[in-house]
Every structure is written in C-alpha cells, then in structure tokens.
Amino acid sequence: MRPNLVAIAAVITLCVAPAMAHHAFSAEFDANKPVRLTGAITKVEWINPHSWMYIDVKGARGVENWSIELAAPNAMLRRGWNKNSIPIGTIVVVEGWQAKNGSKTANGGFVTLEDGKRLFVGSSGTGAPIDGEGK
C-alpha cells in the first residue's frame, strides 16, 4: 500500500508550523539595548507562544505603554504564576531588552514586584542574554 502523499504533507506541515511560529530572541530583540522600565500593569495576556504584559511607563514625553514579551503560559505556570498573580495597576520594574525596531516593545527577563520579589519571566531556548532559569 502506497502512503498518501497529501496526508504525509499535512502531517509535516502540522509539525513544522508551530516551530516556525516561535522565533529566536535575535530575530526581534537587541541584546545591546537593555531596558529597565518602571510602570503600572495595564493588561496581561496569557496566549501562546508567549504571554504578554503591558505597562504604562512615565517618562519625559508623558506616559508610554510598553509591551513586554514573557515566557509561554505553561512556563509561567510552572514557575508559580497564574492569571491572577499580578493585578492590573500593580507597579513593577521590568528588566529586559528592547525590540530592534525601536518600538515600545521588550523581551522581559525579570519582573520585580513592589515587595522586592524578583521573578524570572524570560523564555528558554531563544538565545536571549538570560536564557532559561536565569539568576
């Protein structure tokens, strides 16, 4: 019996598509553009392949909303986070790296809460300066 080529192509596509969706750190972010942002959380999204946190940062030009890429929801859950871990309005300090295109987007490495607790939020296997369970 000859294998159905259409079925084989479909299986290959289904296996490759998720891998293509996940990007390397260097595709979007610049390791030479570290950022340290302090602001209030305006929104958190638990979506694949990465979670996102949005914070309002006060600066010389007024308030700017930054998008912070975090690890995948499953990785965040394994680290003890959940959807209710950090309520909207919480002031946080984010350490990460800015997007290459200069937008108000960053890849997060750590988030420090108001009580001083520092949480790793980075992704593993992306080539980020702190790749994996950073210290």
C-alpha atoms as a PDB file:
ATOM      1  CA  MET A   1       0.000   0.000   0.000  1.00  0.00           C
ATOM      2  CA  ARG A   2       1.442   3.385  -1.055  1.00  0.00           C
ATOM      3  CA  PRO A   3       1.340   6.161   1.505  1.00  0.00           C
ATOM      4  CA  ASN A   4      -0.985   9.028   0.692  1.00  0.00           C
ATOM      5  CA  LEU A   5       1.321  11.944  -0.181  1.00  0.00           C
ATOM      6  CA  VAL A   6      -1.308  14.532   0.748  1.00  0.00           C
ATOM      7  CA  ALA A   7      -1.648  13.023   4.222  1.00  0.00           C
ATOM      8  CA  ILE A   8       2.134  12.954   4.682  1.00  0.00           C
ATOM      9  CA  ALA A   9       2.424  16.604   3.570  1.00  0.00           C
ATOM     10  CA  ALA A  10      -0.339  17.570   6.008  1.00  0.00           C
ATOM     11  CA  VAL A  11       1.414  15.856   8.916  1.00  0.00           C
ATOM     12  CA  ILE A  12       4.721  17.545   8.080  1.00  0.00           C
ATOM     13  CA  THR A  13       3.018  20.941   7.852  1.00  0.00           C
ATOM     14  CA  LEU A  14       1.297  20.466  11.201  1.00  0.00           C
ATOM     15  CA  CYS A  15       4.594  19.550  12.840  1.00  0.00           C
ATOM     16  CA  VAL A  16       6.653  22.362  11.291  1.00  0.00           C
ATOM     17  CA  ALA A  17       4.187  25.262  11.583  1.00  0.00           C
ATOM     18  CA  PRO A  18       4.386  25.621  15.410  1.00  0.00           C
ATOM     19  CA  ALA A  19       8.180  25.530  15.292  1.00  0.00           C
ATOM     20  CA  MET A  20       8.213  28.300  12.698  1.00  0.00           C
ATOM     21  CA  ALA A  21       5.886  30.441  14.830  1.00  0.00           C
ATOM     22  CA  HIS A  22       8.374  30.512  17.704  1.00  0.00           C
ATOM     23  CA  HIS A  23      11.184  32.914  16.996  1.00  0.00           C
ATOM     24  CA  ALA A  24      14.711  33.348  18.194  1.00  0.00           C
ATOM     25  CA  PHE A  25      15.395  36.281  20.530  1.00  0.00           C
ATOM     26  CA  SER A  26      17.733  37.868  17.975  1.00  0.00           C
ATOM     27  CA  ALA A  27      15.003  37.962  15.319  1.00  0.00           C
ATOM     28  CA  GLU A  28      13.165  40.753  17.166  1.00  0.00           C
ATOM     29  CA  PHE A  29      15.175  41.957  20.142  1.00  0.00           C
ATOM     30  CA  ASP A  30      18.583  43.574  20.607  1.00  0.00           C
ATOM     31  CA  ALA A  31      20.861  42.236  23.353  1.00  0.00           C
ATOM     32  CA  ASN A  32      22.696  45.591  23.169  1.00  0.00           C
ATOM     33  CA  LYS A  33      19.544  47.543  24.106  1.00  0.00           C
ATOM     34  CA  PRO A  34      18.827  46.601  27.716  1.00  0.00           C
ATOM     35  CA  VAL A  35      15.855  48.376  29.295  1.00  0.00           C
ATOM     36  CA  ARG A  36      14.764  48.867  32.879  1.00  0.00           C
ATOM     37  CA  LEU A  37      11.165  50.031  32.986  1.00  0.00           C
ATOM     38  CA  THR A  38       9.041  51.006  35.961  1.00  0.00           C
ATOM     39  CA  GLY A  39       5.316  51.215  35.466  1.00  0.00           C
ATOM     40  CA  ALA A  40       1.805  50.116  36.276  1.00  0.00           C
ATOM     41  CA  ILE A  41       0.428  46.986  34.660  1.00  0.00           C
ATOM     42  CA  THR A  42      -2.437  47.789  32.284  1.00  0.00           C
ATOM     43  CA  LYS A  43      -3.028  44.329  30.805  1.00  0.00           C
ATOM     44  CA  VAL A  44      -1.701  40.761  30.893  1.00  0.00           C
ATOM     45  CA  GLU A  45      -2.360  38.232  28.113  1.00  0.00           C
ATOM     46  CA  TRP A  46      -1.831  34.509  28.585  1.00  0.00           C
ATOM     47  CA  ILE A  47      -1.548  33.427  24.955  1.00  0.00           C
ATOM     48  CA  ASN A  48       0.784  31.101  23.074  1.00  0.00           C
ATOM     49  CA  PRO A  49       3.548  31.093  22.096  1.00  0.00           C
ATOM     50  CA  HIS A  50       4.323  33.911  24.596  1.00  0.00           C
ATOM     51  CA  SER A  51       2.487  35.672  27.372  1.00  0.00           C
ATOM     52  CA  TRP A  52       2.433  39.481  27.246  1.00  0.00           C
ATOM     53  CA  MET A  53       2.409  42.165  29.916  1.00  0.00           C
ATOM     54  CA  TYR A  54       1.595  45.798  29.137  1.00  0.00           C
ATOM     55  CA  ILE A  55       2.783  48.580  31.428  1.00  0.00           C
ATOM     56  CA  ASP A  56       2.387  52.358  31.493  1.00  0.00           C
ATOM     57  CA  VAL A  57       5.810  53.958  31.919  1.00  0.00           C
ATOM     58  CA  LYS A  58       6.058  57.646  32.871  1.00  0.00           C
ATOM     59  CA  GLY A  59       8.849  59.458  31.089  1.00  0.00           C
ATOM     60  CA  ALA A  60       9.917  62.840  29.739  1.00  0.00           C
ATOM     61  CA  ARG A  61       7.363  62.515  26.911  1.00  0.00           C
ATOM     62  CA  GLY A  62       4.487  61.578  29.205  1.00  0.00           C
ATOM     63  CA  VAL A  63       3.087  58.095  29.695  1.00  0.00           C
ATOM     64  CA  GLU A  64       4.097  55.412  27.199  1.00  0.00           C
ATOM     65  CA  ASN A  65       2.538  51.959  27.075  1.00  0.00           C
ATOM     66  CA  TRP A  66       5.163  49.235  26.680  1.00  0.00           C
ATOM     67  CA  SER A  67       4.506  45.675  25.511  1.00  0.00           C
ATOM     68  CA  ILE A  68       6.627  43.112  27.345  1.00  0.00           C
ATOM     69  CA  GLU A  69       7.015  39.616  25.889  1.00  0.00           C
ATOM     70  CA  LEU A  70       7.108  36.938  28.587  1.00  0.00           C
ATOM     71  CA  ALA A  71       7.580  33.176  28.554  1.00  0.00           C
ATOM     72  CA  ALA A  72       4.835  30.843  27.354  1.00  0.00           C
ATOM     73  CA  PRO A  73       1.837  30.461  29.681  1.00  0.00           C
ATOM     74  CA  ASN A  74       2.850  26.890  30.557  1.00  0.00           C
ATOM     75  CA  ALA A  75       6.334  28.031  31.583  1.00  0.00           C
ATOM     76  CA  MET A  76       4.831  30.828  33.665  1.00  0.00           C
ATOM     77  CA  LEU A  77       2.521  28.339  35.417  1.00  0.00           C
ATOM     78  CA  ARG A  78       5.468  26.037  36.182  1.00  0.00           C
ATOM     79  CA  ARG A  79       7.219  28.998  37.838  1.00  0.00           C
ATOM     80  CA  GLY A  80       4.251  29.604  40.105  1.00  0.00           C
ATOM     81  CA  TRP A  81       2.490  32.353  38.155  1.00  0.00           C
ATOM     82  CA  ASN A  82      -1.197  32.335  37.316  1.00  0.00           C
ATOM     83  CA  LYS A  83      -3.589  34.767  35.640  1.00  0.00           C
ATOM     84  CA  ASN A  84      -4.237  36.482  38.966  1.00  0.00           C
ATOM     85  CA  SER A  85      -0.632  36.711  40.208  1.00  0.00           C
ATOM     86  CA  ILE A  86      -0.219  40.382  39.388  1.00  0.00           C
ATOM     87  CA  PRO A  87      -3.373  42.509  39.320  1.00  0.00           C
ATOM     88  CA  ILE A  88      -3.882  45.385  36.900  1.00  0.00           C
ATOM     89  CA  GLY A  89      -2.464  48.573  38.417  1.00  0.00           C
ATOM     90  CA  THR A  90       0.422  46.833  40.202  1.00  0.00           C
ATOM     91  CA  ILE A  91       3.677  48.802  39.903  1.00  0.00           C
ATOM     92  CA  VAL A  92       6.507  46.625  38.585  1.00  0.00           C
ATOM     93  CA  VAL A  93      10.092  47.006  37.422  1.00  0.00           C
ATOM     94  CA  VAL A  94      10.839  45.120  34.214  1.00  0.00           C
ATOM     95  CA  GLU A  95      14.376  44.267  33.138  1.00  0.00           C
ATOM     96  CA  GLY A  96      14.691  43.184  29.538  1.00  0.00           C
ATOM     97  CA  TRP A  97      15.789  44.117  26.024  1.00  0.00           C
ATOM     98  CA  GLN A  98      14.147  46.473  23.554  1.00  0.00           C
ATOM     99  CA  ALA A  99      12.883  45.483  20.135  1.00  0.00           C
ATOM    100  CA  LYS A 100      15.295  46.049  17.248  1.00  0.00           C
ATOM    101  CA  ASN A 101      12.764  48.288  15.505  1.00  0.00           C
ATOM    102  CA  GLY A 102      12.852  50.786  18.389  1.00  0.00           C
ATOM    103  CA  SER A 103       9.175  50.312  19.285  1.00  0.00           C
ATOM    104  CA  LYS A 104       7.941  50.309  22.860  1.00  0.00           C
ATOM    105  CA  THR A 105       8.278  46.516  22.910  1.00  0.00           C
ATOM    106  CA  ALA A 106      10.705  44.492  25.016  1.00  0.00           C
ATOM    107  CA  ASN A 107      11.569  40.913  25.788  1.00  0.00           C
ATOM    108  CA  GLY A 108      11.292  40.505  29.551  1.00  0.00           C
ATOM    109  CA  GLY A 109      13.982  38.881  31.648  1.00  0.00           C
ATOM    110  CA  PHE A 110      12.853  39.703  35.182  1.00  0.00           C
ATOM    111  CA  VAL A 111       9.926  41.447  36.839  1.00  0.00           C
ATOM    112  CA  THR A 112      10.390  42.911  40.310  1.00  0.00           C
ATOM    113  CA  LEU A 113       7.258  43.440  42.398  1.00  0.00           C
ATOM    114  CA  GLU A 114       6.616  46.262  44.873  1.00  0.00           C
ATOM    115  CA  ASP A 115       7.571  43.994  47.805  1.00  0.00           C
ATOM    116  CA  GLY A 116      11.001  43.350  46.216  1.00  0.00           C
ATOM    117  CA  LYS A 117      10.233  39.852  44.941  1.00  0.00           C
ATOM    118  CA  ARG A 118      12.086  39.290  41.650  1.00  0.00           C
ATOM    119  CA  LEU A 119      10.518  36.855  39.178  1.00  0.00           C
ATOM    120  CA  PHE A 120      12.085  35.305  36.087  1.00  0.00           C
ATOM    121  CA  VAL A 121       9.763  35.812  33.098  1.00  0.00           C
ATOM    122  CA  GLY A 122      12.076  35.010  30.190  1.00  0.00           C
ATOM    123  CA  SER A 123      11.769  32.262  27.641  1.00  0.00           C
ATOM    124  CA  SER A 124      14.213  29.407  27.358  1.00  0.00           C
ATOM    125  CA  GLY A 125      15.911  28.252  24.187  1.00  0.00           C
ATOM    126  CA  THR A 126      15.578  31.590  22.386  1.00  0.00           C
ATOM    127  CA  GLY A 127      19.141  32.851  22.670  1.00  0.00           C
ATOM    128  CA  ALA A 128      18.214  35.737  24.975  1.00  0.00           C
ATOM    129  CA  PRO A 129      21.054  37.097  27.153  1.00  0.00           C
ATOM    130  CA  ILE A 130      19.405  35.359  30.129  1.00  0.00           C
ATOM    131  CA  ASP A 131      18.245  32.127  28.514  1.00  0.00           C
ATOM    132  CA  GLY A 132      16.490  29.687  30.800  1.00  0.00           C
ATOM    133  CA  GLU A 133      16.157  29.906  34.546  1.00  0.00           C
ATOM    134  CA  GLY A 134      18.375  32.967  34.959  1.00  0.00           C
ATOM    135  CA  LYS A 135      19.775  34.124  38.247  1.00  0.00           C
END
